[in-house]
PDB file of N, CA and C in Angstrom:
ATOM      1  N   MET A   1      45.389  88.718 158.171  1.00  0.00           N
ATOM      2  CA  MET A   1      45.593  87.838 157.051  1.00  0.00           C
ATOM      3  C   MET A   1      46.714  86.829 157.337  1.00  0.00           C
ATOM      4  N   ALA A   2      47.718  87.248 158.102  1.00  0.00           N
ATOM      5  CA  ALA A   2      48.833  86.357 158.419  1.00  0.00           C
ATOM      6  C   ALA A   2      48.360  85.128 159.201  1.00  0.00           C
ATOM      7  N   GLU A   3      47.390  85.327 160.097  1.00  0.00           N
ATOM      8  CA  GLU A   3      46.862  84.203 160.881  1.00  0.00           C
ATOM      9  C   GLU A   3      46.124  83.220 159.982  1.00  0.00           C
ATOM     10  N   LYS A   4      45.341  83.746 159.053  1.00  0.00           N
ATOM     11  CA  LYS A   4      44.583  82.898 158.126  1.00  0.00           C
ATOM     12  C   LYS A   4      45.548  82.113 157.227  1.00  0.00           C
ATOM     13  N   PHE A   5      46.567  82.801 156.707  1.00  0.00           N
ATOM     14  CA  PHE A   5      47.572  82.149 155.871  1.00  0.00           C
ATOM     15  C   PHE A   5      48.268  81.030 156.651  1.00  0.00           C
ATOM     16  N   ALA A   6      48.649  81.318 157.893  1.00  0.00           N
ATOM     17  CA  ALA A   6      49.343  80.325 158.721  1.00  0.00           C
ATOM     18  C   ALA A   6      48.453  79.118 159.008  1.00  0.00           C
ATOM     19  N   ALA A   7      47.176  79.359 159.265  1.00  0.00           N
ATOM     20  CA  ALA A   7      46.255  78.258 159.558  1.00  0.00           C
ATOM     21  C   ALA A   7      46.055  77.364 158.337  1.00  0.00           C
ATOM     22  N   ILE A   8      45.901  77.962 157.168  1.00  0.00           N
ATOM     23  CA  ILE A   8      45.678  77.200 155.945  1.00  0.00           C
ATOM     24  C   ILE A   8      46.935  76.420 155.568  1.00  0.00           C
ATOM     25  N   THR A   9      48.085  77.074 155.631  1.00  0.00           N
ATOM     26  CA  THR A   9      49.319  76.381 155.265  1.00  0.00           C
ATOM     27  C   THR A   9      49.662  75.275 156.260  1.00  0.00           C
ATOM     28  N   ALA A  10      49.311  75.443 157.519  1.00  0.00           N
ATOM     29  CA  ALA A  10      49.560  74.389 158.508  1.00  0.00           C
ATOM     30  C   ALA A  10      48.775  73.130 158.158  1.00  0.00           C
ATOM     31  N   LEU A  11      47.524  73.302 157.747  1.00  0.00           N
ATOM     32  CA  LEU A  11      46.708  72.153 157.341  1.00  0.00           C
ATOM     33  C   LEU A  11      47.273  71.497 156.084  1.00  0.00           C
ATOM     34  N   ALA A  12      47.658  72.315 155.119  1.00  0.00           N
ATOM     35  CA  ALA A  12      48.231  71.785 153.885  1.00  0.00           C
ATOM     36  C   ALA A  12      49.565  71.089 154.164  1.00  0.00           C
ATOM     37  N   ASP A  13      50.367  71.669 155.041  1.00  0.00           N
ATOM     38  CA  ASP A  13      51.655  71.061 155.391  1.00  0.00           C
ATOM     39  C   ASP A  13      51.472  69.691 156.041  1.00  0.00           C
ATOM     40  N   ALA A  14      50.489  69.578 156.905  1.00  0.00           N
ATOM     41  CA  ALA A  14      50.230  68.298 157.565  1.00  0.00           C
ATOM     42  C   ALA A  14      49.852  67.236 156.534  1.00  0.00           C
ATOM     43  N   PHE A  15      49.032  67.619 155.564  1.00  0.00           N
ATOM     44  CA  PHE A  15      48.647  66.671 154.518  1.00  0.00           C
ATOM     45  C   PHE A  15      49.846  66.308 153.657  1.00  0.00           C
ATOM     46  N   CYS A  16      50.657  67.296 153.299  1.00  0.00           N
ATOM     47  CA  CYS A  16      51.844  67.043 152.482  1.00  0.00           C
ATOM     48  C   CYS A  16      52.816  66.116 153.197  1.00  0.00           C
ATOM     49  N   ALA A  17      52.962  66.276 154.496  1.00  0.00           N
ATOM     50  CA  ALA A  17      53.871  65.425 155.266  1.00  0.00           C
ATOM     51  C   ALA A  17      53.419  63.967 155.240  1.00  0.00           C
ATOM     52  N   LYS A  18      52.096  63.741 155.232  1.00  0.00           N
ATOM     53  CA  LYS A  18      51.573  62.378 155.244  1.00  0.00           C
ATOM     54  C   LYS A  18      51.486  61.775 153.852  1.00  0.00           C
ATOM     55  N   GLN A  19      51.063  62.571 152.856  1.00  0.00           N
ATOM     56  CA  GLN A  19      50.703  62.006 151.558  1.00  0.00           C
ATOM     57  C   GLN A  19      51.578  62.443 150.384  1.00  0.00           C
ATOM     58  N   LEU A  20      52.180  63.611 150.474  1.00  0.00           N
ATOM     59  CA  LEU A  20      52.868  64.178 149.315  1.00  0.00           C
ATOM     60  C   LEU A  20      54.356  64.361 149.602  1.00  0.00           C
ATOM     61  N   ASN A  21      54.945  65.386 149.020  1.00  0.00           N
ATOM     62  CA  ASN A  21      56.365  65.642 149.247  1.00  0.00           C
ATOM     63  C   ASN A  21      56.600  67.140 149.365  1.00  0.00           C
ATOM     64  N   ASP A  22      57.860  67.513 149.564  1.00  0.00           N
ATOM     65  CA  ASP A  22      58.194  68.917 149.784  1.00  0.00           C
ATOM     66  C   ASP A  22      57.963  69.767 148.539  1.00  0.00           C
ATOM     67  N   GLU A  23      58.118  69.183 147.378  1.00  0.00           N
ATOM     68  CA  GLU A  23      57.883  69.929 146.137  1.00  0.00           C
ATOM     69  C   GLU A  23      56.421  70.381 146.049  1.00  0.00           C
ATOM     70  N   TYR A  24      55.499  69.491 146.378  1.00  0.00           N
ATOM     71  CA  TYR A  24      54.087  69.864 146.412  1.00  0.00           C
ATOM     72  C   TYR A  24      53.837  70.926 147.473  1.00  0.00           C
ATOM     73  N   ARG A  25      54.479  70.777 148.630  1.00  0.00           N
ATOM     74  CA  ARG A  25      54.289  71.748 149.717  1.00  0.00           C
ATOM     75  C   ARG A  25      54.666  73.157 149.273  1.00  0.00           C
ATOM     76  N   VAL A  26      55.779  73.280 148.569  1.00  0.00           N
ATOM     77  CA  VAL A  26      56.224  74.593 148.094  1.00  0.00           C
ATOM     78  C   VAL A  26      55.220  75.180 147.098  1.00  0.00           C
ATOM     79  N   LEU A  27      54.748  74.358 146.170  1.00  0.00           N
ATOM     80  CA  LEU A  27      53.775  74.840 145.181  1.00  0.00           C
ATOM     81  C   LEU A  27      52.465  75.264 145.844  1.00  0.00           C
ATOM     82  N   ILE A  28      52.037  74.492 146.824  1.00  0.00           N
ATOM     83  CA  ILE A  28      50.791  74.809 147.529  1.00  0.00           C
ATOM     84  C   ILE A  28      50.944  76.110 148.315  1.00  0.00           C
ATOM     85  N   HIS A  29      52.094  76.322 148.924  1.00  0.00           N
ATOM     86  CA  HIS A  29      52.349  77.588 149.631  1.00  0.00           C
ATOM     87  C   HIS A  29      52.270  78.767 148.662  1.00  0.00           C
ATOM     88  N   ARG A  30      52.777  78.593 147.454  1.00  0.00           N
ATOM     89  CA  ARG A  30      52.730  79.671 146.467  1.00  0.00           C
ATOM     90  C   ARG A  30      51.297  79.998 146.075  1.00  0.00           C
ATOM     91  N   VAL A  31      50.463  78.967 145.925  1.00  0.00           N
ATOM     92  CA  VAL A  31      49.050  79.189 145.590  1.00  0.00           C
ATOM     93  C   VAL A  31      48.351  79.945 146.714  1.00  0.00           C
ATOM     94  N   ILE A  32      48.542  79.485 147.934  1.00  0.00           N
ATOM     95  CA  ILE A  32      47.897  80.129 149.077  1.00  0.00           C
ATOM     96  C   ILE A  32      48.421  81.553 149.246  1.00  0.00           C
ATOM     97  N   GLY A  33      49.712  81.749 149.047  1.00  0.00           N
ATOM     98  CA  GLY A  33      50.300  83.084 149.133  1.00  0.00           C
ATOM     99  C   GLY A  33      49.737  84.034 148.086  1.00  0.00           C
ATOM    100  N   SER A  34      49.521  83.533 146.880  1.00  0.00           N
ATOM    101  CA  SER A  34      48.921  84.363 145.831  1.00  0.00           C
ATOM    102  C   SER A  34      47.512  84.793 146.202  1.00  0.00           C
ATOM    103  N   LEU A  35      46.756  83.863 146.769  1.00  0.00           N
ATOM    104  CA  LEU A  35      45.391  84.198 147.190  1.00  0.00           C
ATOM    105  C   LEU A  35      45.397  85.178 148.359  1.00  0.00           C
ATOM    106  N   ALA A  36      46.362  85.015 149.250  1.00  0.00           N
ATOM    107  CA  ALA A  36      46.457  85.926 150.403  1.00  0.00           C
ATOM    108  C   ALA A  36      46.843  87.332 149.971  1.00  0.00           C
ATOM    109  N   GLY A  37      47.558  87.454 148.864  1.00  0.00           N
ATOM    110  CA  GLY A  37      48.010  88.760 148.393  1.00  0.00           C
ATOM    111  C   GLY A  37      46.967  89.567 147.646  1.00  0.00           C
ATOM    112  N   LYS A  38      45.875  88.932 147.266  1.00  0.00           N
ATOM    113  CA  LYS A  38      44.818  89.660 146.559  1.00  0.00           C
ATOM    114  C   LYS A  38      44.092  90.588 147.518  1.00  0.00           C
ATOM    115  N   ARG A  39      43.589  91.682 147.001  1.00  0.00           N
ATOM    116  CA  ARG A  39      42.822  92.632 147.808  1.00  0.00           C
ATOM    117  C   ARG A  39      41.457  92.851 147.199  1.00  0.00           C
ATOM    118  N   PRO A  40      40.397  92.506 147.867  1.00  0.00           N
ATOM    119  CA  PRO A  40      40.346  91.764 149.128  1.00  0.00           C
ATOM    120  C   PRO A  40      40.650  90.288 148.886  1.00  0.00           C
ATOM    121  N   SER A  41      41.246  89.659 149.862  1.00  0.00           N
ATOM    122  CA  SER A  41      41.626  88.260 149.726  1.00  0.00           C
ATOM    123  C   SER A  41      40.405  87.358 149.858  1.00  0.00           C
ATOM    124  N   PRO A  42      40.261  86.397 148.934  1.00  0.00           N
ATOM    125  CA  PRO A  42      39.148  85.453 149.063  1.00  0.00           C
ATOM    126  C   PRO A  42      39.312  84.531 150.272  1.00  0.00           C
ATOM    127  N   LEU A  43      40.512  84.450 150.822  1.00  0.00           N
ATOM    128  CA  LEU A  43      40.747  83.576 151.971  1.00  0.00           C
ATOM    129  C   LEU A  43      40.021  84.044 153.227  1.00  0.00           C
ATOM    130  N   LEU A  44      39.597  85.309 153.238  1.00  0.00           N
ATOM    131  CA  LEU A  44      38.897  85.828 154.412  1.00  0.00           C
ATOM    132  C   LEU A  44      37.530  85.186 154.602  1.00  0.00           C
ATOM    133  N   LYS A  45      36.990  84.656 153.508  1.00  0.00           N
ATOM    134  CA  LYS A  45      35.698  83.973 153.582  1.00  0.00           C
ATOM    135  C   LYS A  45      35.936  82.474 153.489  1.00  0.00           C
ATOM    136  N   GLY A  46      35.170  81.718 154.212  1.00  0.00           N
ATOM    137  CA  GLY A  46      35.288  80.266 154.146  1.00  0.00           C
ATOM    138  C   GLY A  46      36.170  79.689 155.232  1.00  0.00           C
ATOM    139  N   LYS A  47      36.156  78.366 155.286  1.00  0.00           N
ATOM    140  CA  LYS A  47      36.889  77.642 156.319  1.00  0.00           C
ATOM    141  C   LYS A  47      38.305  77.334 155.854  1.00  0.00           C
ATOM    142  N   GLU A  48      39.224  77.315 156.798  1.00  0.00           N
ATOM    143  CA  GLU A  48      40.626  77.063 156.491  1.00  0.00           C
ATOM    144  C   GLU A  48      40.844  75.690 155.874  1.00  0.00           C
ATOM    145  N   ASN A  49      40.144  74.664 156.408  1.00  0.00           N
ATOM    146  CA  ASN A  49      40.355  73.319 155.884  1.00  0.00           C
ATOM    147  C   ASN A  49      39.879  73.176 154.440  1.00  0.00           C
ATOM    148  N   VAL A  50      38.855  73.913 154.076  1.00  0.00           N
ATOM    149  CA  VAL A  50      38.368  73.871 152.698  1.00  0.00           C
ATOM    150  C   VAL A  50      39.361  74.567 151.771  1.00  0.00           C
ATOM    151  N   TRP A  51      39.917  75.694 152.204  1.00  0.00           N
ATOM    152  CA  TRP A  51      40.928  76.383 151.397  1.00  0.00           C
ATOM    153  C   TRP A  51      42.172  75.519 151.240  1.00  0.00           C
ATOM    154  N   ALA A  52      42.580  74.846 152.301  1.00  0.00           N
ATOM    155  CA  ALA A  52      43.750  73.969 152.215  1.00  0.00           C
ATOM    156  C   ALA A  52      43.498  72.847 151.211  1.00  0.00           C
ATOM    157  N   ALA A  53      42.338  72.220 151.309  1.00  0.00           N
ATOM    158  CA  ALA A  53      42.006  71.138 150.384  1.00  0.00           C
ATOM    159  C   ALA A  53      41.909  71.650 148.947  1.00  0.00           C
ATOM    160  N   ALA A  54      41.356  72.838 148.767  1.00  0.00           N
ATOM    161  CA  ALA A  54      41.227  73.402 147.420  1.00  0.00           C
ATOM    162  C   ALA A  54      42.601  73.697 146.814  1.00  0.00           C
ATOM    163  N   ALA A  55      43.518  74.207 147.613  1.00  0.00           N
ATOM    164  CA  ALA A  55      44.865  74.497 147.111  1.00  0.00           C
ATOM    165  C   ALA A  55      45.592  73.206 146.745  1.00  0.00           C
ATOM    166  N   VAL A  56      45.483  72.192 147.597  1.00  0.00           N
ATOM    167  CA  VAL A  56      46.111  70.905 147.307  1.00  0.00           C
ATOM    168  C   VAL A  56      45.491  70.298 146.048  1.00  0.00           C
ATOM    169  N   HIS A  57      44.184  70.382 145.944  1.00  0.00           N
ATOM    170  CA  HIS A  57      43.483  69.833 144.784  1.00  0.00           C
ATOM    171  C   HIS A  57      43.894  70.545 143.499  1.00  0.00           C
ATOM    172  N   ALA A  58      43.973  71.854 143.525  1.00  0.00           N
ATOM    173  CA  ALA A  58      44.343  72.621 142.332  1.00  0.00           C
ATOM    174  C   ALA A  58      45.751  72.259 141.864  1.00  0.00           C
ATOM    175  N   VAL A  59      46.692  72.210 142.789  1.00  0.00           N
ATOM    176  CA  VAL A  59      48.066  71.852 142.429  1.00  0.00           C
ATOM    177  C   VAL A  59      48.124  70.397 141.972  1.00  0.00           C
ATOM    178  N   GLY A  60      47.395  69.546 142.649  1.00  0.00           N
ATOM    179  CA  GLY A  60      47.380  68.130 142.293  1.00  0.00           C
ATOM    180  C   GLY A  60      46.792  67.856 140.926  1.00  0.00           C
ATOM    181  N   ARG A  61      45.731  68.554 140.572  1.00  0.00           N
ATOM    182  CA  ARG A  61      45.085  68.323 139.272  1.00  0.00           C
ATOM    183  C   ARG A  61      46.013  68.652 138.118  1.00  0.00           C
ATOM    184  N   VAL A  62      46.716  69.751 138.189  1.00  0.00           N
ATOM    185  CA  VAL A  62      47.596  70.132 137.079  1.00  0.00           C
ATOM    186  C   VAL A  62      48.861  69.273 137.040  1.00  0.00           C
ATOM    187  N   ASN A  63      49.124  68.521 138.120  1.00  0.00           N
ATOM    188  CA  ASN A  63      50.297  67.646 138.168  1.00  0.00           C
ATOM    189  C   ASN A  63      49.917  66.164 138.174  1.00  0.00           C
ATOM    190  N   PHE A  64      48.695  65.855 137.784  1.00  0.00           N
ATOM    191  CA  PHE A  64      48.215  64.470 137.655  1.00  0.00           C
ATOM    192  C   PHE A  64      48.394  63.683 138.955  1.00  0.00           C
ATOM    193  N   LEU A  65      48.036  64.309 140.057  1.00  0.00           N
ATOM    194  CA  LEU A  65      48.197  63.687 141.366  1.00  0.00           C
ATOM    195  C   LEU A  65      47.370  62.411 141.510  1.00  0.00           C
ATOM    196  N   ASP A  66      46.253  62.287 140.789  1.00  0.00           N
ATOM    197  CA  ASP A  66      45.410  61.097 140.919  1.00  0.00           C
ATOM    198  C   ASP A  66      45.808  59.958 139.965  1.00  0.00           C
ATOM    199  N   ASP A  67      46.925  60.106 139.262  1.00  0.00           N
ATOM    200  CA  ASP A  67      47.406  59.083 138.338  1.00  0.00           C
ATOM    201  C   ASP A  67      48.299  58.100 139.091  1.00  0.00           C
ATOM    202  N   PRO A  68      47.859  56.839 139.238  1.00  0.00           N
ATOM    203  CA  PRO A  68      48.642  55.869 140.001  1.00  0.00           C
ATOM    204  C   PRO A  68      50.006  55.545 139.394  1.00  0.00           C
ATOM    205  N   SER A  69      50.217  55.894 138.129  1.00  0.00           N
ATOM    206  CA  SER A  69      51.525  55.629 137.531  1.00  0.00           C
ATOM    207  C   SER A  69      52.580  56.650 137.982  1.00  0.00           C
ATOM    208  N   GLN A  70      52.163  57.722 138.627  1.00  0.00           N
ATOM    209  CA  GLN A  70      53.089  58.718 139.154  1.00  0.00           C
ATOM    210  C   GLN A  70      53.657  58.230 140.490  1.00  0.00           C
ATOM    211  N   VAL A  71      54.883  58.620 140.772  1.00  0.00           N
ATOM    212  CA  VAL A  71      55.515  58.213 142.037  1.00  0.00           C
ATOM    213  C   VAL A  71      54.724  58.762 143.221  1.00  0.00           C
ATOM    214  N   THR A  72      54.435  60.056 143.205  1.00  0.00           N
ATOM    215  CA  THR A  72      53.608  60.666 144.241  1.00  0.00           C
ATOM    216  C   THR A  72      52.194  60.766 143.699  1.00  0.00           C
ATOM    217  N   HIS A  73      51.255  60.068 144.347  1.00  0.00           N
ATOM    218  CA  HIS A  73      49.870  60.114 143.896  1.00  0.00           C
ATOM    219  C   HIS A  73      48.924  59.828 145.058  1.00  0.00           C
ATOM    220  N   CYS A  74      47.694  60.318 144.914  1.00  0.00           N
ATOM    221  CA  CYS A  74      46.619  59.988 145.834  1.00  0.00           C
ATOM    222  C   CYS A  74      45.298  60.286 145.160  1.00  0.00           C
ATOM    223  N   LYS A  75      44.290  59.592 145.577  1.00  0.00           N
ATOM    224  CA  LYS A  75      42.951  59.768 145.019  1.00  0.00           C
ATOM    225  C   LYS A  75      42.292  61.016 145.623  1.00  0.00           C
ATOM    226  N   PRO A  76      41.363  61.630 144.888  1.00  0.00           N
ATOM    227  CA  PRO A  76      40.686  62.830 145.403  1.00  0.00           C
ATOM    228  C   PRO A  76      40.004  62.611 146.760  1.00  0.00           C
ATOM    229  N   ILE A  77      39.445  61.443 146.977  1.00  0.00           N
ATOM    230  CA  ILE A  77      38.779  61.186 148.261  1.00  0.00           C
ATOM    231  C   ILE A  77      39.792  61.237 149.409  1.00  0.00           C
ATOM    232  N   THR A  78      41.004  60.760 149.176  1.00  0.00           N
ATOM    233  CA  THR A  78      42.062  60.822 150.185  1.00  0.00           C
ATOM    234  C   THR A  78      42.416  62.265 150.477  1.00  0.00           C
ATOM    235  N   LEU A  79      42.499  63.047 149.421  1.00  0.00           N
ATOM    236  CA  LEU A  79      42.823  64.467 149.562  1.00  0.00           C
ATOM    237  C   LEU A  79      41.773  65.183 150.395  1.00  0.00           C
ATOM    238  N   TRP A  80      40.509  65.035 150.032  1.00  0.00           N
ATOM    239  CA  TRP A  80      39.462  65.779 150.734  1.00  0.00           C
ATOM    240  C   TRP A  80      39.308  65.309 152.170  1.00  0.00           C
ATOM    241  N   CYS A  81      39.388  64.005 152.407  1.00  0.00           N
ATOM    242  CA  CYS A  81      39.300  63.507 153.784  1.00  0.00           C
ATOM    243  C   CYS A  81      40.519  63.916 154.600  1.00  0.00           C
ATOM    244  N   GLY A  82      41.688  63.942 153.970  1.00  0.00           N
ATOM    245  CA  GLY A  82      42.917  64.308 154.667  1.00  0.00           C
ATOM    246  C   GLY A  82      42.957  65.771 155.066  1.00  0.00           C
ATOM    247  N   CYS A  83      42.436  66.641 154.204  1.00  0.00           N
ATOM    248  CA  CYS A  83      42.466  68.079 154.500  1.00  0.00           C
ATOM    249  C   CYS A  83      41.234  68.554 155.250  1.00  0.00           C
ATOM    250  N   CYS A  84      40.089  67.979 154.945  1.00  0.00           N
ATOM    251  CA  CYS A  84      38.846  68.469 155.544  1.00  0.00           C
ATOM    252  C   CYS A  84      38.405  67.660 156.761  1.00  0.00           C
ATOM    253  N   GLY A  85      38.962  66.493 156.938  1.00  0.00           N
ATOM    254  CA  GLY A  85      38.609  65.698 158.101  1.00  0.00           C
ATOM    255  C   GLY A  85      37.596  64.611 157.804  1.00  0.00           C
ATOM    256  N   SER A  86      36.628  64.894 156.937  1.00  0.00           N
ATOM    257  CA  SER A  86      35.633  63.886 156.550  1.00  0.00           C
ATOM    258  C   SER A  86      34.880  64.374 155.333  1.00  0.00           C
ATOM    259  N   MET A  87      34.097  63.515 154.772  1.00  0.00           N
ATOM    260  CA  MET A  87      33.282  63.892 153.609  1.00  0.00           C
ATOM    261  C   MET A  87      31.879  64.322 154.026  1.00  0.00           C
ATOM    262  N   ALA A  88      31.579  64.285 155.309  1.00  0.00           N
ATOM    263  CA  ALA A  88      30.221  64.627 155.787  1.00  0.00           C
ATOM    264  C   ALA A  88      29.966  66.100 155.721  1.00  0.00           C
TER     265      ALA A  88
END
């Protein structure tokens, strides 16, 4: 589970470094950590990049990340392409 957690957080961290800030990074780590702590963990199924994008999206939605009037913001398409690599 530690390897899966590290892989997902590495992807999320890379996106946060480019598009977001450290506050978002901490919140996203908490979300991923909560999912990793469940038994059985849902993180064991699925791709790491999708989990990273889902965690960023979940934190972003509750913090109005897609609102251009916010200092830190990005559109959902930027989020999914940034974490997943492409929309294909």
